[in-house]
Amino acid sequence: MGVFVFMPLVLPLTAWPVARLAEQHLHPRTATRLLTVMATVLALCSTVCLGLVMVVGTAQLPGNPLPDGWSDPEVRAAVPYDEVVGKAAIPALCAVLVACGRTLWRHARVRRRAHRALTGLPDTEVAVLPDAVPYAYALPGAMRVGTGRRAGGVLRGGVGRPARGPRAGRVVVTTGLLDRLRSAERRALFAHERAHLAARHDLFLLTVQLAARANPFLRPLRTAVAYTAERWADEEAARTIGSRRTVARAIGTAALVSRGTPVPTLAGLAAPGPVPRRVAALLGPAPAVRTWPPAFTSVGLAAWGAAVGTAVSAMSSANSAVTMVLILHAATPL
């Protein structure tokens, strides 16, 4: 293995250029998917690297329950500076596992709280909270099939549809925000939040959050995906209602009057992101849809560089894992 075992820890740096350029030059849907896949692969590879190095460090601790052969010189020679790096990997991997576990626990807790807050409301696709504080967000999750009963007749802006399907999500909006939006802007708001639900942006955001916990070098990708997911929903809303300017007005108005939700929402979906950039993008032409950027452009070169770094990270971690398994198997007495 040699120094190659450490490569997955630093190869996420190759994704930094594309994280920034993808926001500006790629279609938001393409950018979100591309960056999420890269972040996932790079995070898994770096975690495997920490696990392999931790085996060497753990085998050297006195009183460990591992086979004696795992601490043989041949095993330690597979990792450079095994005494320092091996022992340092133990708390590092523990920190990664704790951080990822805490993120998942917080995600589940916020989701349960959000669903409990809707108890007693009509089981419609859009839940209107009687709250003077203006905010809205998409709440994914399993829903009961409702009867479509509306409280007090049709909800404002025609939002009283019944929840659809056993896994349908809900759009949560307050009366405080609805009162500040015109009819067309309400339709734009609902189309934006429905786009979040339809594309399951919560899963993209949760994935890159976990990746950033696994390797801090992946934090720029988490920030980029948070923005491109919002832009993806913006473009879907503009396509649905047929007016980019109306969506831009709805986003601007909601951002000006909103002061944030009273409790954290799922995976940051309620965070409006860099609103001026989103509005400026909507006031311009629609982005071109491409599965991969042209090679001889800045974003194309950055994407290929990140793809090569991701591939090298995957091959390095796979090679190191196979090599370590073979060494440990040879060192373990039958």
C-alpha atoms as a PDB file:
ATOM      1  CA  MET A   1       0.000   0.000   0.000  1.00  0.00           C
ATOM      2  CA  GLY A   2       2.604   2.556   1.056  1.00  0.00           C
ATOM      3  CA  VAL A   3       1.642   6.214   0.887  1.00  0.00           C
ATOM      4  CA  PHE A   4      -1.198   5.372  -1.519  1.00  0.00           C
ATOM      5  CA  VAL A   5      -3.346   4.412   1.455  1.00  0.00           C
ATOM      6  CA  PHE A   6      -3.445   8.086   2.446  1.00  0.00           C
ATOM      7  CA  MET A   7      -4.484   9.418  -0.978  1.00  0.00           C
ATOM      8  CA  PRO A   8      -8.266   9.173  -0.399  1.00  0.00           C
ATOM      9  CA  LEU A   9      -7.885  11.548   2.543  1.00  0.00           C
ATOM     10  CA  VAL A  10      -6.619  14.422   0.363  1.00  0.00           C
ATOM     11  CA  LEU A  11      -8.070  13.665  -3.090  1.00  0.00           C
ATOM     12  CA  PRO A  12     -11.344  15.498  -2.212  1.00  0.00           C
ATOM     13  CA  LEU A  13      -9.313  18.652  -2.857  1.00  0.00           C
ATOM     14  CA  THR A  14      -9.583  17.845  -6.580  1.00  0.00           C
ATOM     15  CA  ALA A  15     -13.346  18.525  -6.387  1.00  0.00           C
ATOM     16  CA  TRP A  16     -13.020  22.073  -5.076  1.00  0.00           C
ATOM     17  CA  PRO A  17     -12.794  23.787  -8.509  1.00  0.00           C
ATOM     18  CA  VAL A  18     -15.843  22.013  -9.927  1.00  0.00           C
ATOM     19  CA  ALA A  19     -17.837  22.716  -6.748  1.00  0.00           C
ATOM     20  CA  ARG A  20     -17.648  26.430  -7.497  1.00  0.00           C
ATOM     21  CA  LEU A  21     -17.821  26.326 -11.287  1.00  0.00           C
ATOM     22  CA  ALA A  22     -20.763  23.903 -11.367  1.00  0.00           C
ATOM     23  CA  GLU A  23     -22.924  26.469  -9.579  1.00  0.00           C
ATOM     24  CA  GLN A  24     -22.331  28.974 -12.355  1.00  0.00           C
ATOM     25  CA  HIS A  25     -22.084  26.938 -15.551  1.00  0.00           C
ATOM     26  CA  LEU A  26     -24.033  23.694 -15.176  1.00  0.00           C
ATOM     27  CA  HIS A  27     -27.751  23.072 -15.107  1.00  0.00           C
ATOM     28  CA  PRO A  28     -28.712  22.868 -11.408  1.00  0.00           C
ATOM     29  CA  ARG A  29     -30.043  19.334 -11.788  1.00  0.00           C
ATOM     30  CA  THR A  30     -26.798  18.138 -13.382  1.00  0.00           C
ATOM     31  CA  ALA A  31     -24.674  19.975 -10.821  1.00  0.00           C
ATOM     32  CA  THR A  32     -26.617  18.571  -7.872  1.00  0.00           C
ATOM     33  CA  ARG A  33     -26.362  14.987  -9.058  1.00  0.00           C
ATOM     34  CA  LEU A  34     -22.729  15.239 -10.139  1.00  0.00           C
ATOM     35  CA  LEU A  35     -21.504  16.843  -6.919  1.00  0.00           C
ATOM     36  CA  THR A  36     -23.518  14.460  -4.730  1.00  0.00           C
ATOM     37  CA  VAL A  37     -22.099  11.382  -6.452  1.00  0.00           C
ATOM     38  CA  MET A  38     -18.550  12.716  -6.172  1.00  0.00           C
ATOM     39  CA  ALA A  39     -18.994  13.628  -2.519  1.00  0.00           C
ATOM     40  CA  THR A  40     -20.419  10.190  -1.722  1.00  0.00           C
ATOM     41  CA  VAL A  41     -17.607   8.260  -3.406  1.00  0.00           C
ATOM     42  CA  LEU A  42     -14.859  10.459  -1.962  1.00  0.00           C
ATOM     43  CA  ALA A  43     -16.333  10.251   1.548  1.00  0.00           C
ATOM     44  CA  LEU A  44     -16.627   6.464   1.412  1.00  0.00           C
ATOM     45  CA  CYS A  45     -13.051   6.131   0.164  1.00  0.00           C
ATOM     46  CA  SER A  46     -11.617   8.350   2.881  1.00  0.00           C
ATOM     47  CA  THR A  47     -13.574   6.426   5.528  1.00  0.00           C
ATOM     48  CA  VAL A  48     -12.215   3.128   4.197  1.00  0.00           C
ATOM     49  CA  CYS A  49      -8.731   4.638   4.376  1.00  0.00           C
ATOM     50  CA  LEU A  50      -9.209   5.575   8.024  1.00  0.00           C
ATOM     51  CA  GLY A  51     -10.549   2.108   8.767  1.00  0.00           C
ATOM     52  CA  LEU A  52      -7.540   0.387   7.219  1.00  0.00           C
ATOM     53  CA  VAL A  53      -5.081   2.585   9.058  1.00  0.00           C
ATOM     54  CA  MET A  54      -7.022   2.117  12.295  1.00  0.00           C
ATOM     55  CA  VAL A  55      -6.575  -1.668  12.035  1.00  0.00           C
ATOM     56  CA  VAL A  56      -2.816  -1.167  12.221  1.00  0.00           C
ATOM     57  CA  GLY A  57      -3.093   1.228  15.140  1.00  0.00           C
ATOM     58  CA  THR A  58      -5.575  -0.896  17.081  1.00  0.00           C
ATOM     59  CA  ALA A  59      -3.484  -4.054  16.683  1.00  0.00           C
ATOM     60  CA  GLN A  60      -0.591  -2.333  18.489  1.00  0.00           C
ATOM     61  CA  LEU A  61      -2.603  -1.447  21.594  1.00  0.00           C
ATOM     62  CA  PRO A  62      -1.888  -3.701  24.583  1.00  0.00           C
ATOM     63  CA  GLY A  63      -4.726  -5.975  25.564  1.00  0.00           C
ATOM     64  CA  ASN A  64      -6.595  -5.677  22.264  1.00  0.00           C
ATOM     65  CA  PRO A  65      -8.740  -8.688  21.295  1.00  0.00           C
ATOM     66  CA  LEU A  66      -7.362  -8.904  17.745  1.00  0.00           C
ATOM     67  CA  PRO A  67      -5.256 -11.860  16.572  1.00  0.00           C
ATOM     68  CA  ASP A  68      -1.568 -11.547  17.432  1.00  0.00           C
ATOM     69  CA  GLY A  69      -0.615 -11.807  13.778  1.00  0.00           C
ATOM     70  CA  TRP A  70      -2.282  -8.470  13.048  1.00  0.00           C
ATOM     71  CA  SER A  71       0.532  -6.671  14.861  1.00  0.00           C
ATOM     72  CA  ASP A  72       3.315  -8.472  12.952  1.00  0.00           C
ATOM     73  CA  PRO A  73       6.002  -6.303  11.305  1.00  0.00           C
ATOM     74  CA  GLU A  74       4.639  -7.216   7.853  1.00  0.00           C
ATOM     75  CA  VAL A  75       1.273  -5.675   8.736  1.00  0.00           C
ATOM     76  CA  ARG A  76       2.801  -2.533  10.234  1.00  0.00           C
ATOM     77  CA  ALA A  77       5.123  -2.144   7.242  1.00  0.00           C
ATOM     78  CA  ALA A  78       2.086  -1.777   4.977  1.00  0.00           C
ATOM     79  CA  VAL A  79       1.372   1.666   6.474  1.00  0.00           C
ATOM     80  CA  PRO A  80       4.115   4.340   6.604  1.00  0.00           C
ATOM     81  CA  TYR A  81       4.728   5.812  10.072  1.00  0.00           C
ATOM     82  CA  ASP A  82       2.444   3.133  11.449  1.00  0.00           C
ATOM     83  CA  GLU A  83       3.001   3.960  15.135  1.00  0.00           C
ATOM     84  CA  VAL A  84       1.855   7.578  14.824  1.00  0.00           C
ATOM     85  CA  VAL A  85      -0.630   7.362  11.968  1.00  0.00           C
ATOM     86  CA  GLY A  86      -2.209   4.112  13.108  1.00  0.00           C
ATOM     87  CA  LYS A  87      -2.989   5.405  16.588  1.00  0.00           C
ATOM     88  CA  ALA A  88      -4.122   8.807  15.292  1.00  0.00           C
ATOM     89  CA  ALA A  89      -6.617   7.092  12.981  1.00  0.00           C
ATOM     90  CA  ILE A  90      -8.464   5.575  15.934  1.00  0.00           C
ATOM     91  CA  PRO A  91      -9.885   8.822  17.363  1.00  0.00           C
ATOM     92  CA  ALA A  92     -10.283  10.218  13.826  1.00  0.00           C
ATOM     93  CA  LEU A  93     -12.507   7.350  12.716  1.00  0.00           C
ATOM     94  CA  CYS A  94     -14.433   7.468  15.997  1.00  0.00           C
ATOM     95  CA  ALA A  95     -15.029  11.194  15.440  1.00  0.00           C
ATOM     96  CA  VAL A  96     -16.323  10.516  11.926  1.00  0.00           C
ATOM     97  CA  LEU A  97     -18.737   7.845  13.147  1.00  0.00           C
ATOM     98  CA  VAL A  98     -20.002  10.043  15.989  1.00  0.00           C
ATOM     99  CA  ALA A  99     -20.460  13.059  13.701  1.00  0.00           C
ATOM    100  CA  CYS A 100     -22.352  11.042  11.083  1.00  0.00           C
ATOM    101  CA  GLY A 101     -24.484   9.361  13.741  1.00  0.00           C
ATOM    102  CA  ARG A 102     -25.309  12.722  15.306  1.00  0.00           C
ATOM    103  CA  THR A 103     -26.304  14.130  11.909  1.00  0.00           C
ATOM    104  CA  LEU A 104     -28.645  11.208  11.247  1.00  0.00           C
ATOM    105  CA  TRP A 105     -30.140  11.444  14.745  1.00  0.00           C
ATOM    106  CA  ARG A 106     -30.743  15.182  14.377  1.00  0.00           C
ATOM    107  CA  HIS A 107     -32.288  14.671  10.938  1.00  0.00           C
ATOM    108  CA  ALA A 108     -34.713  12.083  12.307  1.00  0.00           C
ATOM    109  CA  ARG A 109     -35.531  14.194  15.363  1.00  0.00           C
ATOM    110  CA  VAL A 110     -36.324  17.324  13.330  1.00  0.00           C
ATOM    111  CA  ARG A 111     -38.414  15.266  10.957  1.00  0.00           C
ATOM    112  CA  ARG A 112     -40.478  13.833  13.808  1.00  0.00           C
ATOM    113  CA  ARG A 113     -40.955  17.273  15.320  1.00  0.00           C
ATOM    114  CA  ALA A 114     -42.050  18.728  12.005  1.00  0.00           C
ATOM    115  CA  HIS A 115     -44.641  16.005  11.487  1.00  0.00           C
ATOM    116  CA  ARG A 116     -45.921  16.385  15.049  1.00  0.00           C
ATOM    117  CA  ALA A 117     -46.376  20.112  14.467  1.00  0.00           C
ATOM    118  CA  LEU A 118     -48.903  19.283  11.731  1.00  0.00           C
ATOM    119  CA  THR A 119     -51.058  17.087  13.965  1.00  0.00           C
ATOM    120  CA  GLY A 120     -54.702  18.097  13.736  1.00  0.00           C
ATOM    121  CA  LEU A 121     -54.393  19.861  10.381  1.00  0.00           C
ATOM    122  CA  PRO A 122     -56.304  18.601   7.331  1.00  0.00           C
ATOM    123  CA  ASP A 123     -54.441  15.822   5.535  1.00  0.00           C
ATOM    124  CA  THR A 124     -53.802  17.899   2.404  1.00  0.00           C
ATOM    125  CA  GLU A 125     -50.732  18.248   0.231  1.00  0.00           C
ATOM    126  CA  VAL A 126     -50.169  21.776   1.553  1.00  0.00           C
ATOM    127  CA  ALA A 127     -50.369  22.344   5.295  1.00  0.00           C
ATOM    128  CA  VAL A 128     -51.209  25.939   6.209  1.00  0.00           C
ATOM    129  CA  LEU A 129     -50.129  26.846   9.728  1.00  0.00           C
ATOM    130  CA  PRO A 130     -51.967  29.682  11.495  1.00  0.00           C
ATOM    131  CA  ASP A 131     -48.768  31.555  12.272  1.00  0.00           C
ATOM    132  CA  ALA A 132     -48.029  35.234  11.732  1.00  0.00           C
ATOM    133  CA  VAL A 133     -44.329  34.460  11.217  1.00  0.00           C
ATOM    134  CA  PRO A 134     -43.796  34.108   7.443  1.00  0.00           C
ATOM    135  CA  TYR A 135     -41.984  30.944   6.338  1.00  0.00           C
ATOM    136  CA  ALA A 136     -42.428  27.877   4.149  1.00  0.00           C
ATOM    137  CA  TYR A 137     -40.583  24.627   3.588  1.00  0.00           C
ATOM    138  CA  ALA A 138     -40.957  21.164   2.063  1.00  0.00           C
ATOM    139  CA  LEU A 139     -41.483  18.314   4.507  1.00  0.00           C
ATOM    140  CA  PRO A 140     -40.764  14.887   2.972  1.00  0.00           C
ATOM    141  CA  GLY A 141     -41.852  11.669   4.553  1.00  0.00           C
ATOM    142  CA  ALA A 142     -44.477   8.949   4.656  1.00  0.00           C
ATOM    143  CA  MET A 143     -47.994  10.304   4.692  1.00  0.00           C
ATOM    144  CA  ARG A 144     -51.406   8.764   5.187  1.00  0.00           C
ATOM    145  CA  VAL A 145     -53.756   8.849   2.226  1.00  0.00           C
ATOM    146  CA  GLY A 146     -56.087  11.682   3.132  1.00  0.00           C
ATOM    147  CA  THR A 147     -59.691  12.337   2.316  1.00  0.00           C
ATOM    148  CA  GLY A 148     -58.930  15.735   0.872  1.00  0.00           C
ATOM    149  CA  ARG A 149     -61.081  17.474   3.476  1.00  0.00           C
ATOM    150  CA  ARG A 150     -60.403  21.193   3.562  1.00  0.00           C
ATOM    151  CA  ALA A 151     -60.649  23.404   6.577  1.00  0.00           C
ATOM    152  CA  GLY A 152     -63.002  26.206   5.814  1.00  0.00           C
ATOM    153  CA  GLY A 153     -63.342  25.349   2.111  1.00  0.00           C
ATOM    154  CA  VAL A 154     -60.609  25.727  -0.496  1.00  0.00           C
ATOM    155  CA  LEU A 155     -57.330  26.904   0.935  1.00  0.00           C
ATOM    156  CA  ARG A 156     -55.692  30.066  -0.312  1.00  0.00           C
ATOM    157  CA  GLY A 157     -54.257  29.894  -3.777  1.00  0.00           C
ATOM    158  CA  GLY A 158     -55.904  26.525  -4.471  1.00  0.00           C
ATOM    159  CA  VAL A 159     -53.569  24.570  -2.215  1.00  0.00           C
ATOM    160  CA  GLY A 160     -56.019  22.156  -0.620  1.00  0.00           C
ATOM    161  CA  ARG A 161     -55.143  19.035  -2.597  1.00  0.00           C
ATOM    162  CA  PRO A 162     -55.196  15.746  -0.735  1.00  0.00           C
ATOM    163  CA  ALA A 163     -51.857  14.182   0.099  1.00  0.00           C
ATOM    164  CA  ARG A 164     -50.843  11.777  -2.653  1.00  0.00           C
ATOM    165  CA  GLY A 165     -49.501   8.286  -2.045  1.00  0.00           C
ATOM    166  CA  PRO A 166     -48.111   6.606   1.025  1.00  0.00           C
ATOM    167  CA  ARG A 167     -44.732   8.328   0.662  1.00  0.00           C
ATOM    168  CA  ALA A 168     -45.926  11.789  -0.369  1.00  0.00           C
ATOM    169  CA  GLY A 169     -44.498  14.827   1.357  1.00  0.00           C
ATOM    170  CA  ARG A 170     -46.171  18.062   2.310  1.00  0.00           C
ATOM    171  CA  VAL A 171     -45.580  21.717   1.671  1.00  0.00           C
ATOM    172  CA  VAL A 172     -45.721  23.653   4.934  1.00  0.00           C
ATOM    173  CA  VAL A 173     -46.524  27.353   4.730  1.00  0.00           C
ATOM    174  CA  THR A 174     -47.820  29.881   7.226  1.00  0.00           C
ATOM    175  CA  THR A 175     -50.669  32.320   6.860  1.00  0.00           C
ATOM    176  CA  GLY A 176     -48.133  35.053   7.554  1.00  0.00           C
ATOM    177  CA  LEU A 177     -46.334  34.293   4.296  1.00  0.00           C
ATOM    178  CA  LEU A 178     -49.462  33.656   2.218  1.00  0.00           C
ATOM    179  CA  ASP A 179     -50.826  37.069   3.205  1.00  0.00           C
ATOM    180  CA  ARG A 180     -47.716  38.723   1.768  1.00  0.00           C
ATOM    181  CA  LEU A 181     -47.740  36.961  -1.597  1.00  0.00           C
ATOM    182  CA  ARG A 182     -49.894  37.573  -4.642  1.00  0.00           C
ATOM    183  CA  SER A 183     -51.802  34.718  -6.245  1.00  0.00           C
ATOM    184  CA  ALA A 184     -49.176  34.098  -8.956  1.00  0.00           C
ATOM    185  CA  GLU A 185     -46.385  34.256  -6.387  1.00  0.00           C
ATOM    186  CA  ARG A 186     -48.173  31.673  -4.241  1.00  0.00           C
ATOM    187  CA  ARG A 187     -48.316  29.324  -7.199  1.00  0.00           C
ATOM    188  CA  ALA A 188     -44.599  29.861  -7.733  1.00  0.00           C
ATOM    189  CA  LEU A 189     -43.885  29.159  -4.065  1.00  0.00           C
ATOM    190  CA  PHE A 190     -45.886  25.931  -4.095  1.00  0.00           C
ATOM    191  CA  ALA A 191     -44.270  24.808  -7.363  1.00  0.00           C
ATOM    192  CA  HIS A 192     -40.823  25.432  -5.844  1.00  0.00           C
ATOM    193  CA  GLU A 193     -41.534  23.411  -2.712  1.00  0.00           C
ATOM    194  CA  ARG A 194     -43.205  20.621  -4.689  1.00  0.00           C
ATOM    195  CA  ALA A 195     -40.081  20.407  -6.821  1.00  0.00           C
ATOM    196  CA  HIS A 196     -38.065  19.797  -3.652  1.00  0.00           C
ATOM    197  CA  LEU A 197     -40.400  16.939  -2.754  1.00  0.00           C
ATOM    198  CA  ALA A 198     -40.569  15.404  -6.220  1.00  0.00           C
ATOM    199  CA  ALA A 199     -36.775  15.321  -6.652  1.00  0.00           C
ATOM    200  CA  ARG A 200     -36.145  14.251  -3.029  1.00  0.00           C
ATOM    201  CA  HIS A 201     -33.677  17.066  -2.459  1.00  0.00           C
ATOM    202  CA  ASP A 202     -33.636  16.177   1.228  1.00  0.00           C
ATOM    203  CA  LEU A 203     -31.726  13.002   0.361  1.00  0.00           C
ATOM    204  CA  PHE A 204     -29.168  14.902  -1.709  1.00  0.00           C
ATOM    205  CA  LEU A 205     -28.618  17.389   1.110  1.00  0.00           C
ATOM    206  CA  LEU A 206     -28.421  14.731   3.799  1.00  0.00           C
ATOM    207  CA  THR A 207     -25.913  12.751   1.717  1.00  0.00           C
ATOM    208  CA  VAL A 208     -23.540  15.673   1.232  1.00  0.00           C
ATOM    209  CA  GLN A 209     -23.885  16.602   4.900  1.00  0.00           C
ATOM    210  CA  LEU A 210     -22.762  13.112   5.889  1.00  0.00           C
ATOM    211  CA  ALA A 211     -19.935  13.289   3.339  1.00  0.00           C
ATOM    212  CA  ALA A 212     -18.727  16.568   4.827  1.00  0.00           C
ATOM    213  CA  ARG A 213     -18.771  14.994   8.289  1.00  0.00           C
ATOM    214  CA  ALA A 214     -16.682  12.102   6.990  1.00  0.00           C
ATOM    215  CA  ASN A 215     -14.098  14.387   5.375  1.00  0.00           C
ATOM    216  CA  PRO A 216     -13.946  18.148   6.093  1.00  0.00           C
ATOM    217  CA  PHE A 217     -12.381  18.710   2.658  1.00  0.00           C
ATOM    218  CA  LEU A 218     -15.834  17.990   1.197  1.00  0.00           C
ATOM    219  CA  ARG A 219     -17.525  20.966   2.839  1.00  0.00           C
ATOM    220  CA  PRO A 220     -17.386  23.093  -0.349  1.00  0.00           C
ATOM    221  CA  LEU A 221     -19.412  20.404  -2.106  1.00  0.00           C
ATOM    222  CA  ARG A 222     -22.013  20.502   0.666  1.00  0.00           C
ATOM    223  CA  THR A 223     -22.359  24.275   0.256  1.00  0.00           C
ATOM    224  CA  ALA A 224     -22.561  23.972  -3.520  1.00  0.00           C
ATOM    225  CA  VAL A 225     -25.257  21.281  -3.428  1.00  0.00           C
ATOM    226  CA  ALA A 226     -27.334  23.345  -0.983  1.00  0.00           C
ATOM    227  CA  TYR A 227     -27.336  26.137  -3.585  1.00  0.00           C
ATOM    228  CA  THR A 228     -27.839  24.009  -6.699  1.00  0.00           C
ATOM    229  CA  ALA A 229     -30.750  22.150  -5.096  1.00  0.00           C
ATOM    230  CA  GLU A 230     -32.497  25.476  -4.543  1.00  0.00           C
ATOM    231  CA  ARG A 231     -31.721  26.511  -8.120  1.00  0.00           C
ATOM    232  CA  TRP A 232     -33.057  23.170  -9.360  1.00  0.00           C
ATOM    233  CA  ALA A 233     -36.344  23.837  -7.573  1.00  0.00           C
ATOM    234  CA  ASP A 234     -36.380  27.403  -8.946  1.00  0.00           C
ATOM    235  CA  GLU A 235     -36.024  26.168 -12.530  1.00  0.00           C
ATOM    236  CA  GLU A 236     -38.694  23.512 -12.052  1.00  0.00           C
ATOM    237  CA  ALA A 237     -41.067  26.115 -10.622  1.00  0.00           C
ATOM    238  CA  ALA A 238     -40.384  28.453 -13.556  1.00  0.00           C
ATOM    239  CA  ARG A 239     -41.067  25.634 -16.019  1.00  0.00           C
ATOM    240  CA  THR A 240     -44.284  24.674 -14.208  1.00  0.00           C
ATOM    241  CA  ILE A 241     -45.883  28.105 -14.035  1.00  0.00           C
ATOM    242  CA  GLY A 242     -44.311  29.394 -17.250  1.00  0.00           C
ATOM    243  CA  SER A 243     -42.806  32.606 -15.863  1.00  0.00           C
ATOM    244  CA  ARG A 244     -39.249  32.982 -14.606  1.00  0.00           C
ATOM    245  CA  ARG A 245     -39.920  36.552 -13.495  1.00  0.00           C
ATOM    246  CA  THR A 246     -42.839  35.504 -11.280  1.00  0.00           C
ATOM    247  CA  VAL A 247     -40.675  32.902  -9.537  1.00  0.00           C
ATOM    248  CA  ALA A 248     -37.958  35.532  -9.048  1.00  0.00           C
ATOM    249  CA  ARG A 249     -40.502  37.898  -7.467  1.00  0.00           C
ATOM    250  CA  ALA A 250     -41.827  35.156  -5.192  1.00  0.00           C
ATOM    251  CA  ILE A 251     -38.316  34.254  -4.027  1.00  0.00           C
ATOM    252  CA  GLY A 252     -37.386  37.882  -3.435  1.00  0.00           C
ATOM    253  CA  THR A 253     -40.590  38.658  -1.553  1.00  0.00           C
ATOM    254  CA  ALA A 254     -40.381  35.538   0.601  1.00  0.00           C
ATOM    255  CA  ALA A 255     -36.757  36.297   1.449  1.00  0.00           C
ATOM    256  CA  LEU A 256     -37.532  39.888   2.415  1.00  0.00           C
ATOM    257  CA  VAL A 257     -40.410  39.052   4.741  1.00  0.00           C
ATOM    258  CA  SER A 258     -39.188  35.743   6.155  1.00  0.00           C
ATOM    259  CA  ARG A 259     -37.287  35.627   9.395  1.00  0.00           C
ATOM    260  CA  GLY A 260     -36.663  31.893   9.357  1.00  0.00           C
ATOM    261  CA  THR A 261     -38.593  29.019  10.808  1.00  0.00           C
ATOM    262  CA  PRO A 262     -38.957  28.837  14.607  1.00  0.00           C
ATOM    263  CA  VAL A 263     -37.142  25.440  14.675  1.00  0.00           C
ATOM    264  CA  PRO A 264     -34.511  23.948  12.372  1.00  0.00           C
ATOM    265  CA  THR A 265     -35.993  22.310   9.305  1.00  0.00           C
ATOM    266  CA  LEU A 266     -34.945  19.212   7.433  1.00  0.00           C
ATOM    267  CA  ALA A 267     -31.493  19.385   5.868  1.00  0.00           C
ATOM    268  CA  GLY A 268     -31.663  23.138   5.469  1.00  0.00           C
ATOM    269  CA  LEU A 269     -34.478  23.049   2.907  1.00  0.00           C
ATOM    270  CA  ALA A 270     -36.069  26.128   4.451  1.00  0.00           C
ATOM    271  CA  ALA A 271     -32.861  28.136   4.058  1.00  0.00           C
ATOM    272  CA  PRO A 272     -33.329  30.448   1.065  1.00  0.00           C
ATOM    273  CA  GLY A 273     -29.656  30.349   0.104  1.00  0.00           C
ATOM    274  CA  PRO A 274     -27.944  33.241  -1.725  1.00  0.00           C
ATOM    275  CA  VAL A 275     -31.173  34.889  -2.872  1.00  0.00           C
ATOM    276  CA  PRO A 276     -29.615  37.650  -5.055  1.00  0.00           C
ATOM    277  CA  ARG A 277     -27.786  35.047  -7.135  1.00  0.00           C
ATOM    278  CA  ARG A 278     -30.920  32.950  -7.505  1.00  0.00           C
ATOM    279  CA  VAL A 279     -32.996  35.944  -8.562  1.00  0.00           C
ATOM    280  CA  ALA A 280     -30.339  37.056 -11.037  1.00  0.00           C
ATOM    281  CA  ALA A 281     -30.238  33.556 -12.543  1.00  0.00           C
ATOM    282  CA  LEU A 282     -34.016  33.510 -12.946  1.00  0.00           C
ATOM    283  CA  LEU A 283     -34.021  36.905 -14.641  1.00  0.00           C
ATOM    284  CA  GLY A 284     -31.586  35.537 -17.226  1.00  0.00           C
ATOM    285  CA  PRO A 285     -32.096  32.783 -19.799  1.00  0.00           C
ATOM    286  CA  ALA A 286     -32.804  29.222 -18.752  1.00  0.00           C
ATOM    287  CA  PRO A 287     -29.637  27.131 -18.358  1.00  0.00           C
ATOM    288  CA  ALA A 288     -28.834  24.555 -21.004  1.00  0.00           C
ATOM    289  CA  VAL A 289     -29.453  20.947 -20.016  1.00  0.00           C
ATOM    290  CA  ARG A 290     -26.328  18.798 -20.449  1.00  0.00           C
ATOM    291  CA  THR A 291     -25.417  15.470 -18.918  1.00  0.00           C
ATOM    292  CA  TRP A 292     -21.735  16.483 -18.914  1.00  0.00           C
ATOM    293  CA  PRO A 293     -20.057  19.864 -19.529  1.00  0.00           C
ATOM    294  CA  PRO A 294     -17.972  20.430 -22.684  1.00  0.00           C
ATOM    295  CA  ALA A 295     -14.414  19.215 -22.172  1.00  0.00           C
ATOM    296  CA  PHE A 296     -12.534  22.313 -23.297  1.00  0.00           C
ATOM    297  CA  THR A 297     -14.158  24.765 -20.899  1.00  0.00           C
ATOM    298  CA  SER A 298     -13.240  25.762 -17.369  1.00  0.00           C
ATOM    299  CA  VAL A 299     -16.097  23.783 -15.830  1.00  0.00           C
ATOM    300  CA  GLY A 300     -15.411  20.850 -18.165  1.00  0.00           C
ATOM    301  CA  LEU A 301     -11.743  20.686 -17.175  1.00  0.00           C
ATOM    302  CA  ALA A 302     -12.693  21.025 -13.506  1.00  0.00           C
ATOM    303  CA  ALA A 303     -15.281  18.254 -13.847  1.00  0.00           C
ATOM    304  CA  TRP A 304     -12.798  15.910 -15.516  1.00  0.00           C
ATOM    305  CA  GLY A 305     -10.201  16.739 -12.868  1.00  0.00           C
ATOM    306  CA  ALA A 306     -12.669  15.924 -10.107  1.00  0.00           C
ATOM    307  CA  ALA A 307     -13.750  12.754 -11.911  1.00  0.00           C
ATOM    308  CA  VAL A 308     -10.139  11.609 -12.199  1.00  0.00           C
ATOM    309  CA  GLY A 309      -9.543  12.394  -8.526  1.00  0.00           C
ATOM    310  CA  THR A 310     -12.663  10.441  -7.575  1.00  0.00           C
ATOM    311  CA  ALA A 311     -11.623   7.477  -9.721  1.00  0.00           C
ATOM    312  CA  VAL A 312      -8.089   7.478  -8.303  1.00  0.00           C
ATOM    313  CA  SER A 313      -9.504   7.649  -4.783  1.00  0.00           C
ATOM    314  CA  ALA A 314     -11.773   4.685  -5.467  1.00  0.00           C
ATOM    315  CA  MET A 315      -8.982   2.612  -6.995  1.00  0.00           C
ATOM    316  CA  SER A 316      -6.543   3.525  -4.233  1.00  0.00           C
ATOM    317  CA  SER A 317      -8.948   2.588  -1.446  1.00  0.00           C
ATOM    318  CA  ALA A 318      -9.965  -0.633  -3.202  1.00  0.00           C
ATOM    319  CA  ASN A 319      -6.342  -1.615  -3.792  1.00  0.00           C
ATOM    320  CA  SER A 320      -5.405  -0.811  -0.194  1.00  0.00           C
ATOM    321  CA  ALA A 321      -8.367  -2.761   1.161  1.00  0.00           C
ATOM    322  CA  VAL A 322      -7.540  -5.860  -0.898  1.00  0.00           C
ATOM    323  CA  THR A 323      -3.853  -5.626   0.013  1.00  0.00           C
ATOM    324  CA  MET A 324      -4.635  -5.267   3.722  1.00  0.00           C
ATOM    325  CA  VAL A 325      -7.037  -8.218   3.661  1.00  0.00           C
ATOM    326  CA  LEU A 326      -4.416 -10.413   1.993  1.00  0.00           C
ATOM    327  CA  ILE A 327      -1.728  -9.351   4.469  1.00  0.00           C
ATOM    328  CA  LEU A 328      -3.968  -9.922   7.481  1.00  0.00           C
ATOM    329  CA  HIS A 329      -5.086 -13.265   6.131  1.00  0.00           C
ATOM    330  CA  ALA A 330      -1.478 -14.357   5.682  1.00  0.00           C
ATOM    331  CA  ALA A 331      -0.528 -13.082   9.153  1.00  0.00           C
ATOM    332  CA  THR A 332      -3.469 -14.724  10.927  1.00  0.00           C
ATOM    333  CA  PRO A 333      -2.755 -18.313  12.050  1.00  0.00           C
ATOM    334  CA  LEU A 334      -5.352 -20.898  11.137  1.00  0.00           C
END
